[in-house]
Amino acid sequence: MDPGPSDEQQVKEYVHTKRFPTDCNVFRVFLFVITIPLCLALSIIRLFIGLQGLVIICFLPKSLRFRRYFVRLVLMLLGVFVNVQKAPNKSQKPHVIVSNHVSVIDRIVVECSIAVATLSVRDVPLLIRLILGSLDLSPRNEAPPPTEVAKAHLDSSSTPILTFPEQITTRGNGVLKFASWPFSVSPAVQVAAIDISRWHFIRPNMTHVFASPLADFFWFLYCPAHWVNIKFHSVGDEFRSLSPELRATSAQQLVASSLALPSLSLSCHDVREYKKTLVKEQAEGMDIEVLVRQVVEVLPNVPENEIRVDLLRTRNTTKTIRNLISSVPSATKKPMPSAKPPRSDTKGFPKDPSVRANILEFKKSQLILEGRRKYIEKHNLDITP
C-alpha cells in the first residue's frame, strides 16, 4: 500500500504561496498590463469613497437595521456584491457565529446580515476593527483567546461574537480543522459558510501565506468586481449537547458540505509550519549562494554546480573545500599568472586601454591568490595534488 501524502504536500494544495496564478496565458497577461492604469485609478477612487463610508459605519449603532444596508452599499461601491442565500435565524439569539475564513473582508461581509463583535483581531487593520467593534481581549501573542472575557462580554451585551475557527485564510478549496475554543464560549452557535469569487483577467489570489491584510485589501480595491455568497445554518439541540470538540468537528463538516468542499484534518498550525519551511528554504538558498562564492575564490577551477551540491550536504565551506580537493584532481590546478606585471613603455599610468586592462587583471589575480593563500593558511588546508 502506497503511503499517503505528507502534511506538507497536503498543505500545498490548500494554500497559495504567490499572489498571481501560474497558468495565465499571454493574452490574459497582456490585458492585465494594459488595464493597470484604469484599475489603479479605480482603486484610488474606491479608497476615498470606502474610507468615508467606513468612517460613517463606525458611528452607526449596531442595533440599527439601516447599518446593515449601509454596509452592503459601501461594499457595492468597493465592487463587492453580497448575496445572502440563507439569512441568519435571529429568533435563536445566537451568542457565537462561526464561519470559514477565505479573505480579509469576511468580517464585513457577515455585517451585511447581522451585527457582530469579533475576537479575532490579530490580522485585521485598525479601521476594520473599529467598524466591527472588535474586542481586543488579550495580548497579540497570547493563544488561545480568553474565553472567560468573551463570556463576560456576552453577559453584558446581546451582540453575538464572530469567530473564524480555521484561524487562518486559505485558498477556499477546503475547510481546515476548526479550533474548539469558540464552541466553549456558548452552546448557542450559528454556522456561516462564505464563498467569494473574483472577476479579473488573471484573477489574483485572494491571499497567500506571505500576504499582509493591507495587501489583500488593496487587491479587493484593484480588481473590478467580487461576488460573495453567504449561507447561515442553524443547529439543533443535539448539536448543543455535544462537547466543544465535537461541536467544532460538526460545524466544520456542516460548512464543508454547504460549500461542497472537503473537510480537512489539517489545521492552521500545519499551514504555519509550512510557511516556516518555505522561509527557511528561501533563507538557506540565499546562504548557499554566499558560500558558493567563498569556495569559488579558493577553488576557481571547480564548477559551481559541484560546489553547490557539496555545500547543500555539508553546509560548511572548509569541509566542502577538503572534499573537493580530495575528489576533484583539477581543483588546485590553475594556470599561475605572470610573476611580473605587464610593462609599459611610458612613465606613469599607461594610456593604452589594453595595457591598463592587463595591469588591472594582473592586480586582481594577485589579490585572489593572496586571499586564497591566507584562507588556506588560516584553516591549515593541504592542497598538494
Protein backbone atom coordinates (compact mmCIF):
# COMPACT_ATOMS: atom_id res chain seq x y z
CA MET A 1 0.00 0.00 0.00
CA ASP A 2 1.41 3.37 -1.02
CA PRO A 3 1.98 5.84 1.80
CA GLY A 4 -0.34 8.83 1.86
CA PRO A 5 0.86 12.34 1.14
CA SER A 6 2.67 14.16 3.92
CA ASP A 7 1.13 17.12 5.72
CA GLU A 8 3.39 19.48 3.76
CA GLN A 9 2.21 18.02 0.45
CA GLN A 10 -1.41 18.36 1.54
CA VAL A 11 -0.95 21.95 2.69
CA LYS A 12 0.41 22.90 -0.75
CA GLU A 13 -2.97 22.02 -2.25
CA TYR A 14 -4.98 24.31 0.04
CA VAL A 15 -2.88 27.48 0.35
CA HIS A 16 -1.26 29.83 -2.15
CA THR A 17 2.38 30.87 -1.96
CA LYS A 18 2.13 33.66 -4.55
CA ARG A 19 -0.33 36.39 -5.47
CA PHE A 20 -0.63 35.57 -9.16
CA PRO A 21 -1.57 32.19 -10.65
CA THR A 22 0.96 30.43 -12.85
CA ASP A 23 -1.47 29.20 -15.53
CA CYS A 24 -2.19 32.58 -17.19
CA ASN A 25 -1.80 32.73 -20.95
CA VAL A 26 -0.10 35.55 -22.84
CA PHE A 27 -3.39 37.19 -23.84
CA ARG A 28 -4.55 37.47 -20.22
CA VAL A 29 -1.21 38.92 -19.15
CA PHE A 30 -1.44 41.46 -21.98
CA LEU A 31 -4.93 42.52 -20.85
CA PHE A 32 -3.68 42.80 -17.28
CA VAL A 33 -0.81 45.09 -18.31
CA ILE A 34 -2.85 47.45 -20.46
CA THR A 35 -5.55 47.81 -17.77
CA ILE A 36 -3.13 48.68 -14.94
CA PRO A 37 -3.73 52.48 -15.20
CA LEU A 38 -7.50 52.02 -15.23
CA CYS A 39 -7.50 49.64 -12.27
CA LEU A 40 -5.16 51.87 -10.27
CA ALA A 41 -7.44 54.85 -10.86
CA LEU A 42 -10.43 52.71 -9.85
CA SER A 43 -8.69 51.58 -6.65
CA ILE A 44 -7.84 55.19 -5.69
CA ILE A 45 -11.45 56.32 -6.20
CA ARG A 46 -12.72 53.34 -4.22
CA LEU A 47 -10.26 54.07 -1.44
CA PHE A 48 -11.56 57.61 -0.91
CA ILE A 49 -15.22 56.55 -1.15
CA GLY A 50 -14.69 53.49 1.01
CA LEU A 51 -12.85 55.36 3.76
CA GLN A 52 -15.67 57.87 4.08
CA GLY A 53 -18.27 55.11 4.14
CA LEU A 54 -16.34 53.06 6.69
CA VAL A 55 -15.92 56.06 8.98
CA ILE A 56 -19.68 56.62 8.90
CA ILE A 57 -20.24 52.97 9.78
CA CYS A 58 -18.12 53.46 12.91
CA PHE A 59 -20.69 55.91 14.29
CA LEU A 60 -23.82 53.92 13.42
CA PRO A 61 -25.22 51.84 16.32
CA LYS A 62 -25.02 48.10 15.77
CA SER A 63 -28.67 47.73 16.74
CA LEU A 64 -29.74 49.96 13.84
CA ARG A 65 -31.07 47.95 10.91
CA PHE A 66 -30.07 50.71 8.49
CA ARG A 67 -26.45 49.99 9.41
CA ARG A 68 -26.54 46.60 7.70
CA TYR A 69 -27.95 48.07 4.49
CA PHE A 70 -25.38 50.83 4.58
CA VAL A 71 -22.56 48.28 4.97
CA ARG A 72 -23.86 46.46 1.90
CA LEU A 73 -24.00 49.74 -0.04
CA VAL A 74 -20.39 50.57 0.87
CA LEU A 75 -19.29 47.11 -0.24
CA MET A 76 -21.09 47.60 -3.57
CA LEU A 77 -19.18 50.86 -4.09
CA LEU A 78 -16.00 48.88 -3.43
CA GLY A 79 -17.00 46.33 -6.07
CA VAL A 80 -18.10 43.62 -3.64
CA PHE A 81 -21.62 42.28 -4.27
CA VAL A 82 -23.03 40.23 -1.40
CA ASN A 83 -25.77 37.66 -1.86
CA VAL A 84 -27.23 36.27 1.37
CA GLN A 85 -28.56 32.92 0.20
CA LYS A 86 -29.80 31.96 3.64
CA ALA A 87 -30.33 34.62 6.30
CA PRO A 88 -29.36 34.06 9.96
CA ASN A 89 -32.04 32.77 12.31
CA LYS A 90 -32.15 35.64 14.79
CA SER A 91 -35.01 34.07 16.76
CA GLN A 92 -32.50 31.59 18.20
CA LYS A 93 -30.44 34.52 19.58
CA PRO A 94 -27.02 33.09 18.79
CA HIS A 95 -24.15 34.02 21.06
CA VAL A 96 -21.41 32.85 18.71
CA ILE A 97 -21.25 32.85 14.92
CA VAL A 98 -18.56 30.68 13.33
CA SER A 99 -17.51 30.75 9.69
CA ASN A 100 -14.83 29.62 7.30
CA HIS A 101 -12.13 32.18 6.54
CA VAL A 102 -11.30 32.95 2.90
CA SER A 103 -10.48 36.67 2.76
CA VAL A 104 -9.70 39.82 4.71
CA ILE A 105 -13.25 41.16 4.20
CA ASP A 106 -15.09 38.17 5.68
CA ARG A 107 -15.93 40.13 8.82
CA ILE A 108 -17.51 43.00 6.88
CA VAL A 109 -19.44 40.52 4.73
CA VAL A 110 -21.08 39.00 7.80
CA GLU A 111 -22.01 42.53 8.95
CA CYS A 112 -24.34 42.74 5.93
CA SER A 113 -26.65 40.24 7.63
CA ILE A 114 -26.17 40.54 11.37
CA ALA A 115 -24.36 42.85 13.77
CA VAL A 116 -21.38 41.14 15.37
CA ALA A 117 -18.37 41.75 17.58
CA THR A 118 -15.17 39.90 16.86
CA LEU A 119 -12.38 38.37 18.90
CA SER A 120 -10.12 37.53 16.00
CA VAL A 121 -8.38 40.88 15.69
CA ARG A 122 -4.77 39.84 15.15
CA ASP A 123 -4.75 40.15 11.38
CA VAL A 124 -7.24 42.98 10.90
CA PRO A 125 -6.42 46.66 10.18
CA LEU A 126 -7.38 49.13 12.92
CA LEU A 127 -10.18 50.80 10.90
CA ILE A 128 -11.95 47.50 10.27
CA ARG A 129 -11.63 46.63 13.97
CA LEU A 130 -13.35 49.90 14.85
CA ILE A 131 -16.13 49.21 12.35
CA LEU A 132 -16.82 45.77 13.74
CA GLY A 133 -16.46 46.80 17.36
CA SER A 134 -13.67 44.29 17.85
CA LEU A 135 -12.89 43.21 21.37
CA ASP A 136 -9.15 43.50 21.96
CA LEU A 137 -9.34 40.92 24.70
CA SER A 138 -5.81 39.66 25.01
CA PRO A 139 -2.18 40.37 24.14
CA ARG A 140 -1.46 39.73 20.48
CA ASN A 141 0.87 36.82 21.17
CA GLU A 142 -1.42 35.02 23.59
CA ALA A 143 -3.22 31.89 22.40
CA PRO A 144 -5.88 30.66 22.69
CA PRO A 145 -8.07 33.75 23.19
CA PRO A 146 -9.51 34.12 26.72
CA THR A 147 -12.96 32.61 26.61
CA GLU A 148 -13.71 33.98 30.08
CA VAL A 149 -13.57 37.55 28.80
CA ALA A 150 -15.73 36.58 25.83
CA LYS A 151 -18.33 35.16 28.19
CA ALA A 152 -18.20 38.38 30.18
CA HIS A 153 -18.98 40.31 27.00
CA LEU A 154 -21.99 38.12 26.29
CA ASP A 155 -23.24 38.65 29.83
CA SER A 156 -23.40 42.40 29.24
CA SER A 157 -24.31 42.55 25.53
CA SER A 158 -26.68 40.83 23.14
CA THR A 159 -24.31 41.27 20.19
CA PRO A 160 -23.02 37.85 19.11
CA ILE A 161 -19.31 37.19 18.68
CA LEU A 162 -17.96 36.33 15.23
CA THR A 163 -15.07 33.87 15.13
CA PHE A 164 -13.17 32.02 12.43
CA PRO A 165 -12.16 28.65 13.89
CA GLU A 166 -9.84 27.97 10.95
CA GLN A 167 -7.75 30.85 12.39
CA ILE A 168 -6.08 31.49 9.02
CA THR A 169 -7.18 32.24 5.48
CA THR A 170 -7.00 29.54 2.82
CA ARG A 171 -7.48 29.38 -0.93
CA GLY A 172 -11.11 28.33 -0.47
CA ASN A 173 -10.91 24.79 -1.85
CA GLY A 174 -11.08 23.05 1.53
CA VAL A 175 -12.13 23.68 5.13
CA LEU A 176 -9.34 23.46 7.70
CA LYS A 177 -9.84 21.80 11.05
CA PHE A 178 -11.87 24.04 13.38
CA ALA A 179 -10.41 25.08 16.71
CA SER A 180 -12.62 24.13 19.66
CA TRP A 181 -12.27 27.28 21.81
CA PRO A 182 -15.09 29.28 20.08
CA PHE A 183 -17.51 26.47 20.87
CA SER A 184 -16.63 26.53 24.56
CA VAL A 185 -17.84 30.15 24.87
CA SER A 186 -21.50 29.21 24.46
CA PRO A 187 -23.57 26.34 23.01
CA ALA A 188 -25.80 28.87 21.19
CA VAL A 189 -23.93 28.80 17.87
CA GLN A 190 -24.85 29.62 14.29
CA VAL A 191 -22.69 28.46 11.41
CA ALA A 192 -21.97 30.60 8.32
CA ALA A 193 -20.43 29.47 5.04
CA ILE A 194 -18.75 32.09 2.83
CA ASP A 195 -17.78 31.72 -0.81
CA ILE A 196 -16.03 34.53 -2.74
CA SER A 197 -15.19 34.72 -6.44
CA ARG A 198 -13.11 37.43 -8.11
CA TRP A 199 -13.52 38.89 -11.58
CA HIS A 200 -10.28 39.87 -13.25
CA PHE A 201 -8.34 38.89 -16.34
CA ILE A 202 -5.75 36.91 -14.38
CA ARG A 203 -7.70 36.55 -11.11
CA PRO A 204 -5.06 37.35 -8.47
CA ASN A 205 -5.37 35.09 -5.45
CA MET A 206 -7.38 36.42 -2.51
CA THR A 207 -4.42 35.85 -0.24
CA HIS A 208 -1.29 33.76 0.18
CA VAL A 209 0.85 32.60 3.07
CA PHE A 210 3.16 35.63 2.91
CA ALA A 211 0.46 38.26 2.28
CA SER A 212 -0.39 41.10 4.64
CA PRO A 213 -4.01 42.15 5.33
CA LEU A 214 -3.39 45.56 3.75
CA ALA A 215 -2.09 43.95 0.56
CA ASP A 216 -5.13 41.67 0.42
CA PHE A 217 -7.42 44.67 0.90
CA PHE A 218 -5.63 46.58 -1.88
CA TRP A 219 -6.39 43.81 -4.37
CA PHE A 220 -10.06 44.00 -3.42
CA LEU A 221 -9.94 47.66 -4.40
CA TYR A 222 -7.91 46.95 -7.53
CA CYS A 223 -9.97 44.16 -9.09
CA PRO A 224 -13.18 45.26 -10.87
CA ALA A 225 -15.69 43.05 -9.05
CA HIS A 226 -16.23 40.33 -6.45
CA TRP A 227 -19.24 38.12 -5.85
CA VAL A 228 -19.88 36.83 -2.34
CA ASN A 229 -22.37 34.15 -1.34
CA ILE A 230 -23.06 33.58 2.34
CA LYS A 231 -25.30 31.00 3.99
CA PHE A 232 -26.27 30.79 7.65
CA HIS A 233 -27.11 27.41 9.17
CA SER A 234 -28.93 26.89 12.43
CA VAL A 235 -28.04 23.99 14.70
CA GLY A 236 -30.36 21.87 16.80
CA ASP A 237 -30.45 20.77 20.41
CA GLU A 238 -28.39 17.69 19.61
CA PHE A 239 -25.53 19.95 18.49
CA ARG A 240 -25.70 21.99 21.70
CA SER A 241 -25.44 18.87 23.84
CA LEU A 242 -22.10 17.90 22.33
CA SER A 243 -18.70 18.72 23.79
CA PRO A 244 -16.84 21.74 22.32
CA GLU A 245 -14.50 19.43 20.38
CA LEU A 246 -17.39 17.55 18.78
CA ARG A 247 -19.21 20.82 18.06
CA ALA A 248 -16.14 22.05 16.22
CA THR A 249 -15.99 18.87 14.12
CA SER A 250 -19.71 19.00 13.37
CA ALA A 251 -19.57 22.69 12.37
CA GLN A 252 -16.58 22.06 10.12
CA GLN A 253 -18.42 19.27 8.34
CA LEU A 254 -21.52 21.46 8.00
CA VAL A 255 -19.55 24.27 6.33
CA ALA A 256 -17.73 21.82 4.08
CA SER A 257 -20.94 20.15 2.90
CA SER A 258 -22.62 23.53 2.35
CA LEU A 259 -19.79 24.64 0.05
CA ALA A 260 -19.24 21.18 -1.48
CA LEU A 261 -15.63 21.18 -0.24
CA PRO A 262 -13.55 18.56 1.57
CA SER A 263 -13.36 18.67 5.37
CA LEU A 264 -9.65 18.55 6.15
CA SER A 265 -7.67 17.12 9.05
CA LEU A 266 -5.09 19.87 8.55
CA SER A 267 -5.08 22.79 10.99
CA CYS A 268 -3.76 26.33 10.99
CA HIS A 269 -0.66 25.04 12.79
CA ASP A 270 0.19 22.86 9.78
CA VAL A 271 -0.10 25.91 7.49
CA ARG A 272 2.16 27.96 9.78
CA GLU A 273 4.74 25.17 9.87
CA TYR A 274 4.62 25.01 6.08
CA LYS A 275 5.23 28.76 5.95
CA LYS A 276 8.22 28.39 8.26
CA THR A 277 9.59 25.69 5.98
CA LEU A 278 9.27 27.95 2.94
CA VAL A 279 11.00 30.81 4.75
CA LYS A 280 13.80 28.50 5.87
CA GLU A 281 14.28 27.17 2.34
CA GLN A 282 14.49 30.68 0.92
CA ALA A 283 16.99 31.74 3.56
CA GLU A 284 19.10 28.63 3.02
CA GLY A 285 19.04 29.23 -0.74
CA MET A 286 20.49 32.72 -0.25
CA ASP A 287 23.10 31.44 2.23
CA ILE A 288 24.22 28.71 -0.15
CA GLU A 289 24.98 31.22 -2.90
CA VAL A 290 27.17 33.21 -0.50
CA LEU A 291 29.05 30.06 0.49
CA VAL A 292 29.44 29.07 -3.16
CA ARG A 293 31.15 32.37 -3.93
CA GLN A 294 33.51 31.88 -0.98
CA VAL A 295 34.57 28.43 -2.20
CA VAL A 296 34.99 29.65 -5.78
CA GLU A 297 37.53 32.19 -4.58
CA VAL A 298 39.66 29.35 -3.18
CA LEU A 299 38.99 26.75 -5.92
CA PRO A 300 38.21 28.73 -9.08
CA ASN A 301 38.66 25.70 -11.37
CA VAL A 302 35.83 23.69 -9.80
CA PRO A 303 32.40 24.10 -11.47
CA GLU A 304 29.88 25.97 -9.33
CA ASN A 305 27.31 23.16 -9.64
CA GLU A 306 29.69 20.69 -7.98
CA ILE A 307 30.42 23.19 -5.22
CA ARG A 308 26.72 23.86 -4.65
CA VAL A 309 25.87 20.14 -4.44
CA ASP A 310 28.55 19.53 -1.84
CA LEU A 311 27.59 22.63 0.18
CA LEU A 312 23.95 21.50 0.32
CA ARG A 313 25.24 18.39 2.05
CA THR A 314 27.91 19.85 4.33
CA ARG A 315 26.73 23.48 4.95
CA ASN A 316 30.41 24.23 5.64
CA THR A 317 32.96 25.84 3.32
CA THR A 318 36.00 24.20 4.94
CA LYS A 319 34.53 20.69 4.66
CA THR A 320 33.48 21.36 1.06
CA ILE A 321 36.96 22.59 0.12
CA ARG A 322 38.53 19.46 1.67
CA ASN A 323 36.04 17.21 -0.14
CA LEU A 324 36.60 18.89 -3.49
CA ILE A 325 40.38 18.86 -3.15
CA SER A 326 40.30 15.11 -2.46
CA SER A 327 37.73 14.25 -5.13
CA VAL A 328 38.47 16.69 -8.00
CA PRO A 329 42.03 16.29 -9.35
CA SER A 330 41.98 19.66 -11.13
CA ALA A 331 40.68 21.58 -8.12
CA THR A 332 44.06 23.10 -7.27
CA LYS A 333 45.48 23.24 -10.78
CA LYS A 334 45.18 26.75 -12.08
CA PRO A 335 47.47 28.50 -14.53
CA MET A 336 49.53 30.90 -12.48
CA PRO A 337 49.62 34.46 -13.72
CA SER A 338 52.87 36.06 -14.77
CA ALA A 339 55.10 36.95 -11.84
CA LYS A 340 55.72 40.36 -13.33
CA PRO A 341 53.08 42.83 -14.36
CA PRO A 342 52.81 43.89 -17.99
CA ARG A 343 55.41 46.50 -18.79
CA SER A 344 54.59 49.91 -20.05
CA ASP A 345 56.76 51.89 -22.40
CA THR A 346 55.65 55.19 -20.87
CA LYS A 347 56.22 56.60 -17.45
CA GLY A 348 53.31 56.76 -15.05
CA PHE A 349 49.90 55.23 -15.86
CA PRO A 350 49.81 53.85 -19.43
CA LYS A 351 47.49 55.45 -21.96
CA ASP A 352 46.84 52.29 -23.95
CA PRO A 353 43.47 50.78 -22.75
CA SER A 354 44.66 47.21 -23.40
CA VAL A 355 47.77 47.73 -21.27
CA ARG A 356 45.71 49.23 -18.44
CA ALA A 357 43.33 46.27 -18.62
CA ASN A 358 46.22 43.81 -18.40
CA ILE A 359 47.64 45.60 -15.37
CA LEU A 360 44.25 45.60 -13.60
CA GLU A 361 43.75 41.91 -14.42
CA PHE A 362 47.18 41.14 -13.03
CA LYS A 363 46.46 43.00 -9.78
CA LYS A 364 43.12 41.23 -9.48
CA SER A 365 44.78 37.84 -9.91
CA GLN A 366 47.37 38.73 -7.30
CA LEU A 367 44.64 39.75 -4.81
CA ILE A 368 42.74 36.50 -5.41
CA LEU A 369 45.87 34.43 -4.95
CA GLU A 370 46.77 36.31 -1.78
CA GLY A 371 43.27 35.79 -0.37
CA ARG A 372 43.39 32.12 -1.33
CA ARG A 373 46.79 31.71 0.36
CA LYS A 374 45.59 33.35 3.59
CA TYR A 375 42.42 31.20 3.64
CA ILE A 376 44.42 28.01 3.18
CA GLU A 377 46.91 29.01 5.90
CA LYS A 378 44.15 30.01 8.30
CA HIS A 379 42.41 26.63 8.02
CA ASN A 380 45.62 24.54 7.69
CA LEU A 381 44.47 23.02 4.39
CA ASP A 382 46.67 20.61 2.50
CA ILE A 383 46.13 21.30 -1.19
CA THR A 384 49.07 19.39 -2.61
CA PRO A 385 47.78 17.43 -5.63
